Amino acid sequence: MIWPASRCSPSRWPACSPSMRGSRPSCRGIAVNRPDLLGARLEAGSEQPGAARALARRDFIIGAAALGTAALSNLGLRGARAAPMERGGLQSLIPAAIGPWSYAADEGLVMSRESPLTEKTYDDVLTRVYIAPQLAPLMLLVGYSSSQDDSVQLHRPESCYPAAGFRLEERPSRSVALRDGRRIEARCLTATAPDRIEQILYWTRVGREFPVTYFSQRISAIRQDLVGRRPDGVLVRISAIGTEAVAPQLERFAKLLANSPSGRTRALVAGAA
């Protein structure tokens, strides 16, 4: 499954901009053809009635849930929001050493921590490069938001990488086993630009859940809000330059991070059991 690149100039390390006010992420030039996002394929030059119904049903579900959330908000019945994280708070939550990898630098993002767009979506953003002997350098991005609802959503790599000039190809997802028996389904992508190939492994946590698509991410946030838990959210993205041969290193790093000896780190990236 491939997302063609847009006509944007490639960047060294794309960063996701926010999706605000309930709008779906989009990028000019992306030809989305994934059934899990559209509900059905659209034939070239004609729209299948089933696909149109699926889209309408999806939009109706989101709209109805959002209206319900707004009604609860007016009645003062929404779940309490977690305390916002101060800028720089992630620095103490993500260890400098993860297995054989050690923190080497924090440069390389197109979008800086001070970007106004970043401030609207995330309480804090951490970016690091980790290195280890005989292993590929790994790039880590963690973005945290104390509140996920119908107006503010974590932004997924499927939008930001094509916007930076990459063509995306989805690879089989990986299941990250946690020490408490739970599992995180991490999505895997190959991003290709004229001058580089990058392997990506990422997941999103919304409250106690790990949605794997933008649609399920929105529904998860709204559903938890409706039962009195306004969820926080985190995006964890690990990437490396190279072919699929570096993919096992991403998986190893992800497992070590998600099962960190620090309970605070585990709670951040994997949530409470």
C-alpha atoms as a PDB file:
ATOM      1  CA  MET A   1       0.000   0.000   0.000  1.00  0.00           C
ATOM      2  CA  ILE A   2       1.660   3.180  -1.205  1.00  0.00           C
ATOM      3  CA  TRP A   3       1.100   6.883  -0.667  1.00  0.00           C
ATOM      4  CA  PRO A   4       2.707   8.868  -3.550  1.00  0.00           C
ATOM      5  CA  ALA A   5       4.853  11.778  -2.453  1.00  0.00           C
ATOM      6  CA  SER A   6       3.608  15.328  -2.850  1.00  0.00           C
ATOM      7  CA  ARG A   7       5.593  17.995  -4.657  1.00  0.00           C
ATOM      8  CA  CYS A   8       7.263  19.205  -1.516  1.00  0.00           C
ATOM      9  CA  SER A   9      11.012  19.313  -1.098  1.00  0.00           C
ATOM     10  CA  PRO A  10      12.361  16.442   1.022  1.00  0.00           C
ATOM     11  CA  SER A  11      13.434  17.147   4.570  1.00  0.00           C
ATOM     12  CA  ARG A  12      16.045  15.482   6.717  1.00  0.00           C
ATOM     13  CA  TRP A  13      13.623  14.263   9.359  1.00  0.00           C
ATOM     14  CA  PRO A  14       9.927  15.148   8.948  1.00  0.00           C
ATOM     15  CA  ALA A  15       7.918  16.289  11.935  1.00  0.00           C
ATOM     16  CA  CYS A  16       4.151  16.108  12.189  1.00  0.00           C
ATOM     17  CA  SER A  17       2.108  19.248  12.335  1.00  0.00           C
ATOM     18  CA  PRO A  18      -1.164  19.248  14.291  1.00  0.00           C
ATOM     19  CA  SER A  19      -4.615  18.367  13.077  1.00  0.00           C
ATOM     20  CA  MET A  20      -6.864  20.975  14.676  1.00  0.00           C
ATOM     21  CA  ARG A  21     -10.574  21.492  15.125  1.00  0.00           C
ATOM     22  CA  GLY A  22     -11.492  17.984  14.104  1.00  0.00           C
ATOM     23  CA  SER A  23     -10.152  18.233  10.556  1.00  0.00           C
ATOM     24  CA  ARG A  24      -8.739  15.101   9.023  1.00  0.00           C
ATOM     25  CA  PRO A  25      -5.046  15.220   8.127  1.00  0.00           C
ATOM     26  CA  SER A  26      -4.476  15.790   4.449  1.00  0.00           C
ATOM     27  CA  CYS A  27      -1.661  16.426   2.035  1.00  0.00           C
ATOM     28  CA  ARG A  28      -1.928  17.558  -1.547  1.00  0.00           C
ATOM     29  CA  GLY A  29      -0.769  14.869  -3.902  1.00  0.00           C
ATOM     30  CA  ILE A  30      -1.577  11.900  -1.638  1.00  0.00           C
ATOM     31  CA  ALA A  31      -3.620   9.214  -3.357  1.00  0.00           C
ATOM     32  CA  VAL A  32      -5.169   7.354  -0.458  1.00  0.00           C
ATOM     33  CA  ASN A  33      -6.369   3.901  -1.428  1.00  0.00           C
ATOM     34  CA  ARG A  34      -6.469   2.050   1.883  1.00  0.00           C
ATOM     35  CA  PRO A  35      -9.733   0.257   2.702  1.00  0.00           C
ATOM     36  CA  ASP A  36      -9.273   0.745   6.463  1.00  0.00           C
ATOM     37  CA  LEU A  37      -9.317   4.512   5.948  1.00  0.00           C
ATOM     38  CA  LEU A  38     -11.980   4.739   3.261  1.00  0.00           C
ATOM     39  CA  GLY A  39     -14.160   1.788   4.113  1.00  0.00           C
ATOM     40  CA  ALA A  40     -14.059   0.673   0.456  1.00  0.00           C
ATOM     41  CA  ARG A  41     -12.099   1.393  -2.683  1.00  0.00           C
ATOM     42  CA  LEU A  42     -13.219   3.990  -5.193  1.00  0.00           C
ATOM     43  CA  GLU A  43     -12.980   2.987  -8.839  1.00  0.00           C
ATOM     44  CA  ALA A  44     -11.215   5.455 -11.094  1.00  0.00           C
ATOM     45  CA  GLY A  45     -13.740   7.839 -12.597  1.00  0.00           C
ATOM     46  CA  SER A  46     -16.725   6.568 -10.605  1.00  0.00           C
ATOM     47  CA  GLU A  47     -17.731   6.319  -6.967  1.00  0.00           C
ATOM     48  CA  GLN A  48     -19.027   3.055  -5.627  1.00  0.00           C
ATOM     49  CA  PRO A  49     -22.253   3.466  -3.619  1.00  0.00           C
ATOM     50  CA  GLY A  50     -20.882   1.218  -0.882  1.00  0.00           C
ATOM     51  CA  ALA A  51     -17.846   3.414  -0.422  1.00  0.00           C
ATOM     52  CA  ALA A  52     -19.973   6.549  -0.294  1.00  0.00           C
ATOM     53  CA  ARG A  53     -22.203   4.959   2.339  1.00  0.00           C
ATOM     54  CA  ALA A  54     -19.174   3.910   4.385  1.00  0.00           C
ATOM     55  CA  LEU A  55     -17.774   7.438   4.293  1.00  0.00           C
ATOM     56  CA  ALA A  56     -21.125   8.943   5.230  1.00  0.00           C
ATOM     57  CA  ARG A  57     -21.548   6.447   8.076  1.00  0.00           C
ATOM     58  CA  ARG A  58     -18.067   7.193   9.405  1.00  0.00           C
ATOM     59  CA  ASP A  59     -18.635  10.949   9.305  1.00  0.00           C
ATOM     60  CA  PHE A  60     -22.030  10.517  10.978  1.00  0.00           C
ATOM     61  CA  ILE A  61     -20.509   8.467  13.811  1.00  0.00           C
ATOM     62  CA  ILE A  62     -17.774  11.033  14.416  1.00  0.00           C
ATOM     63  CA  GLY A  63     -20.222  13.928  14.193  1.00  0.00           C
ATOM     64  CA  ALA A  64     -22.734  12.348  16.558  1.00  0.00           C
ATOM     65  CA  ALA A  65     -20.046  11.465  19.078  1.00  0.00           C
ATOM     66  CA  ALA A  66     -18.588  14.961  18.889  1.00  0.00           C
ATOM     67  CA  LEU A  67     -22.023  16.490  19.487  1.00  0.00           C
ATOM     68  CA  GLY A  68     -22.487  14.219  22.481  1.00  0.00           C
ATOM     69  CA  THR A  69     -19.134  15.293  23.852  1.00  0.00           C
ATOM     70  CA  ALA A  70     -20.037  18.944  23.368  1.00  0.00           C
ATOM     71  CA  ALA A  71     -23.342  18.407  25.179  1.00  0.00           C
ATOM     72  CA  LEU A  72     -21.592  16.790  28.127  1.00  0.00           C
ATOM     73  CA  SER A  73     -19.146  19.672  28.173  1.00  0.00           C
ATOM     74  CA  ASN A  74     -21.986  22.168  28.451  1.00  0.00           C
ATOM     75  CA  LEU A  75     -23.446  20.161  31.317  1.00  0.00           C
ATOM     76  CA  GLY A  76     -20.085  19.982  33.063  1.00  0.00           C
ATOM     77  CA  LEU A  77     -20.015  16.180  32.806  1.00  0.00           C
ATOM     78  CA  ARG A  78     -16.862  15.644  30.762  1.00  0.00           C
ATOM     79  CA  GLY A  79     -13.910  13.856  32.270  1.00  0.00           C
ATOM     80  CA  ALA A  80     -11.244  15.900  33.988  1.00  0.00           C
ATOM     81  CA  ARG A  81      -8.242  16.816  31.878  1.00  0.00           C
ATOM     82  CA  ALA A  82      -4.822  15.643  33.004  1.00  0.00           C
ATOM     83  CA  ALA A  83      -2.496  18.342  34.263  1.00  0.00           C
ATOM     84  CA  PRO A  84      -0.573  19.838  31.308  1.00  0.00           C
ATOM     85  CA  MET A  85       3.066  18.838  31.043  1.00  0.00           C
ATOM     86  CA  GLU A  86       5.592  21.645  31.232  1.00  0.00           C
ATOM     87  CA  ARG A  87       7.940  22.194  28.314  1.00  0.00           C
ATOM     88  CA  GLY A  88      10.981  20.030  28.797  1.00  0.00           C
ATOM     89  CA  GLY A  89       9.101  17.554  30.982  1.00  0.00           C
ATOM     90  CA  LEU A  90       9.766  14.687  28.583  1.00  0.00           C
ATOM     91  CA  GLN A  91      13.508  15.074  29.056  1.00  0.00           C
ATOM     92  CA  SER A  92      13.313  13.464  32.495  1.00  0.00           C
ATOM     93  CA  LEU A  93      10.868  10.746  31.385  1.00  0.00           C
ATOM     94  CA  ILE A  94      12.798   9.318  28.439  1.00  0.00           C
ATOM     95  CA  PRO A  95      16.089   7.662  29.481  1.00  0.00           C
ATOM     96  CA  ALA A  96      19.374   8.739  27.949  1.00  0.00           C
ATOM     97  CA  ALA A  97      20.433   5.093  27.625  1.00  0.00           C
ATOM     98  CA  ILE A  98      18.115   2.475  26.127  1.00  0.00           C
ATOM     99  CA  GLY A  99      19.742  -0.938  25.882  1.00  0.00           C
ATOM    100  CA  PRO A 100      22.986  -0.521  23.910  1.00  0.00           C
ATOM    101  CA  TRP A 101      21.857   2.849  22.531  1.00  0.00           C
ATOM    102  CA  SER A 102      22.812   6.155  24.113  1.00  0.00           C
ATOM    103  CA  TYR A 103      21.505   9.665  23.538  1.00  0.00           C
ATOM    104  CA  ALA A 104      23.809  11.541  21.147  1.00  0.00           C
ATOM    105  CA  ALA A 105      21.948  14.601  19.808  1.00  0.00           C
ATOM    106  CA  ASP A 106      18.553  16.255  19.588  1.00  0.00           C
ATOM    107  CA  GLU A 107      18.850  18.084  16.273  1.00  0.00           C
ATOM    108  CA  GLY A 108      17.355  17.199  12.902  1.00  0.00           C
ATOM    109  CA  LEU A 109      13.655  18.061  13.088  1.00  0.00           C
ATOM    110  CA  VAL A 110      12.149  20.375  10.505  1.00  0.00           C
ATOM    111  CA  MET A 111       9.650  21.611  13.097  1.00  0.00           C
ATOM    112  CA  SER A 112      11.265  22.937  16.261  1.00  0.00           C
ATOM    113  CA  ARG A 113       9.815  22.675  19.740  1.00  0.00           C
ATOM    114  CA  GLU A 114       9.041  26.390  19.613  1.00  0.00           C
ATOM    115  CA  SER A 115       6.813  26.115  16.527  1.00  0.00           C
ATOM    116  CA  PRO A 116       3.350  27.648  17.118  1.00  0.00           C
ATOM    117  CA  LEU A 117       1.791  24.587  15.453  1.00  0.00           C
ATOM    118  CA  THR A 118       3.573  22.243  17.827  1.00  0.00           C
ATOM    119  CA  GLU A 119       2.437  24.271  20.820  1.00  0.00           C
ATOM    120  CA  LYS A 120      -1.226  23.904  19.784  1.00  0.00           C
ATOM    121  CA  THR A 121      -1.104  20.116  19.591  1.00  0.00           C
ATOM    122  CA  TYR A 122       1.482  18.970  22.132  1.00  0.00           C
ATOM    123  CA  ASP A 123       2.331  19.998  25.662  1.00  0.00           C
ATOM    124  CA  ASP A 124       5.879  18.869  24.962  1.00  0.00           C
ATOM    125  CA  VAL A 125       7.905  17.281  22.163  1.00  0.00           C
ATOM    126  CA  LEU A 126      11.164  15.380  22.567  1.00  0.00           C
ATOM    127  CA  THR A 127      13.488  14.568  19.663  1.00  0.00           C
ATOM    128  CA  ARG A 128      16.676  12.584  20.016  1.00  0.00           C
ATOM    129  CA  VAL A 129      19.223  10.638  18.027  1.00  0.00           C
ATOM    130  CA  TYR A 130      20.512   7.462  19.714  1.00  0.00           C
ATOM    131  CA  ILE A 131      23.691   5.659  18.681  1.00  0.00           C
ATOM    132  CA  ALA A 132      25.248   2.289  19.513  1.00  0.00           C
ATOM    133  CA  PRO A 133      28.374   0.442  18.364  1.00  0.00           C
ATOM    134  CA  GLN A 134      27.839  -1.572  15.186  1.00  0.00           C
ATOM    135  CA  LEU A 135      24.178  -0.474  15.004  1.00  0.00           C
ATOM    136  CA  ALA A 136      22.353   2.111  12.937  1.00  0.00           C
ATOM    137  CA  PRO A 137      21.659   5.513  14.525  1.00  0.00           C
ATOM    138  CA  LEU A 138      18.028   5.680  15.593  1.00  0.00           C
ATOM    139  CA  MET A 139      15.846   8.779  15.624  1.00  0.00           C
ATOM    140  CA  LEU A 140      13.204   9.078  18.338  1.00  0.00           C
ATOM    141  CA  LEU A 141      10.297  11.506  18.450  1.00  0.00           C
ATOM    142  CA  VAL A 142       7.867  11.596  21.388  1.00  0.00           C
ATOM    143  CA  GLY A 143       4.990  14.069  21.402  1.00  0.00           C
ATOM    144  CA  TYR A 144       2.715  14.352  24.461  1.00  0.00           C
ATOM    145  CA  SER A 145      -0.685  16.024  24.819  1.00  0.00           C
ATOM    146  CA  SER A 146      -2.565  16.131  28.117  1.00  0.00           C
ATOM    147  CA  SER A 147      -5.936  16.147  26.342  1.00  0.00           C
ATOM    148  CA  GLN A 148      -7.262  14.306  23.296  1.00  0.00           C
ATOM    149  CA  ASP A 149     -10.743  15.185  22.050  1.00  0.00           C
ATOM    150  CA  ASP A 150     -12.631  16.036  18.865  1.00  0.00           C
ATOM    151  CA  SER A 151     -10.679  19.283  18.383  1.00  0.00           C
ATOM    152  CA  VAL A 152      -7.059  18.277  19.073  1.00  0.00           C
ATOM    153  CA  GLN A 153      -5.564  15.054  17.763  1.00  0.00           C
ATOM    154  CA  LEU A 154      -2.115  13.506  17.549  1.00  0.00           C
ATOM    155  CA  HIS A 155      -0.807  13.791  14.002  1.00  0.00           C
ATOM    156  CA  ARG A 156       0.311  10.607  12.288  1.00  0.00           C
ATOM    157  CA  PRO A 157       3.330  10.044   9.981  1.00  0.00           C
ATOM    158  CA  GLU A 158       1.032   9.085   7.076  1.00  0.00           C
ATOM    159  CA  SER A 159       0.384  12.797   6.590  1.00  0.00           C
ATOM    160  CA  CYS A 160       3.626  14.533   7.516  1.00  0.00           C
ATOM    161  CA  TYR A 161       6.051  12.355   5.561  1.00  0.00           C
ATOM    162  CA  PRO A 162       4.340  12.752   2.151  1.00  0.00           C
ATOM    163  CA  ALA A 163       4.139  16.483   2.856  1.00  0.00           C
ATOM    164  CA  ALA A 164       7.941  16.453   3.142  1.00  0.00           C
ATOM    165  CA  GLY A 165       8.386  14.727  -0.208  1.00  0.00           C
ATOM    166  CA  PHE A 166       8.434  11.058   0.823  1.00  0.00           C
ATOM    167  CA  ARG A 167       6.541   8.184  -0.747  1.00  0.00           C
ATOM    168  CA  LEU A 168       5.203   5.835   1.923  1.00  0.00           C
ATOM    169  CA  GLU A 169       4.808   2.087   1.709  1.00  0.00           C
ATOM    170  CA  GLU A 170       3.166   0.218   4.547  1.00  0.00           C
ATOM    171  CA  ARG A 171       4.904  -2.856   5.929  1.00  0.00           C
ATOM    172  CA  PRO A 172       3.405  -5.486   8.247  1.00  0.00           C
ATOM    173  CA  SER A 173       2.724  -4.131  11.721  1.00  0.00           C
ATOM    174  CA  ARG A 174       4.689  -5.365  14.719  1.00  0.00           C
ATOM    175  CA  SER A 175       3.353  -6.372  18.121  1.00  0.00           C
ATOM    176  CA  VAL A 176       5.391  -4.966  20.995  1.00  0.00           C
ATOM    177  CA  ALA A 177       5.010  -7.211  24.058  1.00  0.00           C
ATOM    178  CA  LEU A 178       4.788  -5.433  27.410  1.00  0.00           C
ATOM    179  CA  ARG A 179       5.944  -6.803  30.746  1.00  0.00           C
ATOM    180  CA  ASP A 180       2.368  -6.780  32.102  1.00  0.00           C
ATOM    181  CA  GLY A 181       1.081  -9.035  29.321  1.00  0.00           C
ATOM    182  CA  ARG A 182      -0.439  -6.341  27.128  1.00  0.00           C
ATOM    183  CA  ARG A 183       0.681  -5.671  23.573  1.00  0.00           C
ATOM    184  CA  ILE A 184       1.091  -2.556  21.470  1.00  0.00           C
ATOM    185  CA  GLU A 185       0.398  -2.884  17.753  1.00  0.00           C
ATOM    186  CA  ALA A 186       3.038  -0.669  16.159  1.00  0.00           C
ATOM    187  CA  ARG A 187       2.664   0.436  12.561  1.00  0.00           C
ATOM    188  CA  CYS A 188       5.632   0.107  10.214  1.00  0.00           C
ATOM    189  CA  LEU A 189       6.332   2.192   7.118  1.00  0.00           C
ATOM    190  CA  THR A 190       9.062   2.632   4.545  1.00  0.00           C
ATOM    191  CA  ALA A 191       9.521   6.266   3.504  1.00  0.00           C
ATOM    192  CA  THR A 192      11.343   6.876   0.233  1.00  0.00           C
ATOM    193  CA  ALA A 193      12.693  10.188  -1.062  1.00  0.00           C
ATOM    194  CA  PRO A 194      15.102  10.823  -3.956  1.00  0.00           C
ATOM    195  CA  ASP A 195      18.078  10.969  -1.613  1.00  0.00           C
ATOM    196  CA  ARG A 196      17.198   8.540   1.181  1.00  0.00           C
ATOM    197  CA  ILE A 197      15.168   5.600   2.433  1.00  0.00           C
ATOM    198  CA  GLU A 198      13.875   5.653   5.984  1.00  0.00           C
ATOM    199  CA  GLN A 199      12.284   2.891   8.053  1.00  0.00           C
ATOM    200  CA  ILE A 200       9.612   3.969  10.540  1.00  0.00           C
ATOM    201  CA  LEU A 201       7.970   2.224  13.479  1.00  0.00           C
ATOM    202  CA  TYR A 202       5.418   4.150  15.511  1.00  0.00           C
ATOM    203  CA  TRP A 203       2.398   3.927  17.755  1.00  0.00           C
ATOM    204  CA  THR A 204      -0.114   6.252  19.332  1.00  0.00           C
ATOM    205  CA  ARG A 205      -1.503   5.929  22.829  1.00  0.00           C
ATOM    206  CA  VAL A 206      -4.828   7.603  23.598  1.00  0.00           C
ATOM    207  CA  GLY A 207      -5.602   7.153  27.273  1.00  0.00           C
ATOM    208  CA  ARG A 208      -5.555   3.398  27.822  1.00  0.00           C
ATOM    209  CA  GLU A 209      -5.875   2.439  24.166  1.00  0.00           C
ATOM    210  CA  PHE A 210      -3.548   2.130  21.147  1.00  0.00           C
ATOM    211  CA  PRO A 211      -5.539   3.108  18.035  1.00  0.00           C
ATOM    212  CA  VAL A 212      -3.885   2.171  14.744  1.00  0.00           C
ATOM    213  CA  THR A 213      -5.708   4.509  12.331  1.00  0.00           C
ATOM    214  CA  TYR A 214      -6.710   8.149  12.411  1.00  0.00           C
ATOM    215  CA  PHE A 215     -10.394   7.173  12.467  1.00  0.00           C
ATOM    216  CA  SER A 216      -9.994   4.753  15.384  1.00  0.00           C
ATOM    217  CA  GLN A 217      -7.872   7.375  17.140  1.00  0.00           C
ATOM    218  CA  ARG A 218     -10.706   9.916  17.025  1.00  0.00           C
ATOM    219  CA  ILE A 219     -13.315   7.384  18.082  1.00  0.00           C
ATOM    220  CA  SER A 220     -11.110   6.225  20.972  1.00  0.00           C
ATOM    221  CA  ALA A 221     -10.728   9.772  22.286  1.00  0.00           C
ATOM    222  CA  ILE A 222     -14.437  10.534  22.006  1.00  0.00           C
ATOM    223  CA  ARG A 223     -15.516   7.194  23.521  1.00  0.00           C
ATOM    224  CA  GLN A 224     -13.285   7.599  26.567  1.00  0.00           C
ATOM    225  CA  ASP A 225     -14.444  11.184  27.007  1.00  0.00           C
ATOM    226  CA  LEU A 226     -18.092  10.098  26.949  1.00  0.00           C
ATOM    227  CA  VAL A 227     -17.538   7.740  29.892  1.00  0.00           C
ATOM    228  CA  GLY A 228     -15.842  10.400  31.976  1.00  0.00           C
ATOM    229  CA  ARG A 229     -12.170   9.897  31.099  1.00  0.00           C
ATOM    230  CA  ARG A 230     -10.730  12.701  29.022  1.00  0.00           C
ATOM    231  CA  PRO A 231      -7.670  10.871  27.691  1.00  0.00           C
ATOM    232  CA  ASP A 232      -4.159  12.141  27.265  1.00  0.00           C
ATOM    233  CA  GLY A 233      -2.201  11.144  24.185  1.00  0.00           C
ATOM    234  CA  VAL A 234       1.307  10.333  23.068  1.00  0.00           C
ATOM    235  CA  LEU A 235       2.945   9.676  19.721  1.00  0.00           C
ATOM    236  CA  VAL A 236       6.088   7.518  19.792  1.00  0.00           C
ATOM    237  CA  ARG A 237       7.993   7.371  16.509  1.00  0.00           C
ATOM    238  CA  ILE A 238      11.273   5.507  15.958  1.00  0.00           C
ATOM    239  CA  SER A 239      13.056   5.672  12.615  1.00  0.00           C
ATOM    240  CA  ALA A 240      16.356   4.895  10.929  1.00  0.00           C
ATOM    241  CA  ILE A 241      17.909   5.544   7.553  1.00  0.00           C
ATOM    242  CA  GLY A 242      18.379   2.358   5.560  1.00  0.00           C
ATOM    243  CA  THR A 243      16.637  -0.605   3.997  1.00  0.00           C
ATOM    244  CA  GLU A 244      14.319  -3.031   5.754  1.00  0.00           C
ATOM    245  CA  ALA A 245      17.431  -4.699   7.161  1.00  0.00           C
ATOM    246  CA  VAL A 246      17.398  -2.115   9.989  1.00  0.00           C
ATOM    247  CA  ALA A 247      13.772  -2.896  10.928  1.00  0.00           C
ATOM    248  CA  PRO A 248      14.691  -5.427  13.660  1.00  0.00           C
ATOM    249  CA  GLN A 249      16.709  -2.707  15.388  1.00  0.00           C
ATOM    250  CA  LEU A 250      13.623  -0.486  15.515  1.00  0.00           C
ATOM    251  CA  GLU A 251      11.621  -3.319  17.053  1.00  0.00           C
ATOM    252  CA  ARG A 252      14.297  -4.012  19.647  1.00  0.00           C
ATOM    253  CA  PHE A 253      14.528  -0.350  20.618  1.00  0.00           C
ATOM    254  CA  ALA A 254      10.725  -0.083  20.840  1.00  0.00           C
ATOM    255  CA  LYS A 255      10.483  -3.099  23.153  1.00  0.00           C
ATOM    256  CA  LEU A 256      13.243  -1.776  25.410  1.00  0.00           C
ATOM    257  CA  LEU A 257      11.626   1.665  25.612  1.00  0.00           C
ATOM    258  CA  ALA A 258       8.106   0.345  26.262  1.00  0.00           C
ATOM    259  CA  ASN A 259       9.439  -1.966  29.002  1.00  0.00           C
ATOM    260  CA  SER A 260      11.728   0.585  30.610  1.00  0.00           C
ATOM    261  CA  PRO A 261      12.722  -0.069  34.240  1.00  0.00           C
ATOM    262  CA  SER A 262      11.196   3.324  35.043  1.00  0.00           C
ATOM    263  CA  GLY A 263       7.503   3.129  35.847  1.00  0.00           C
ATOM    264  CA  ARG A 264       7.070   6.760  34.784  1.00  0.00           C
ATOM    265  CA  THR A 265       8.525   6.011  31.363  1.00  0.00           C
ATOM    266  CA  ARG A 266       6.300   2.960  30.928  1.00  0.00           C
ATOM    267  CA  ALA A 267       3.224   4.945  31.955  1.00  0.00           C
ATOM    268  CA  LEU A 268       4.058   7.612  29.385  1.00  0.00           C
ATOM    269  CA  VAL A 269       4.689   5.460  26.330  1.00  0.00           C
ATOM    270  CA  ALA A 270       2.536   2.422  27.164  1.00  0.00           C
ATOM    271  CA  GLY A 271      -0.077   3.744  29.586  1.00  0.00           C
ATOM    272  CA  ALA A 272      -1.392   2.224  32.783  1.00  0.00           C
ATOM    273  CA  ALA A 273      -2.244  -1.472  32.744  1.00  0.00           C
END
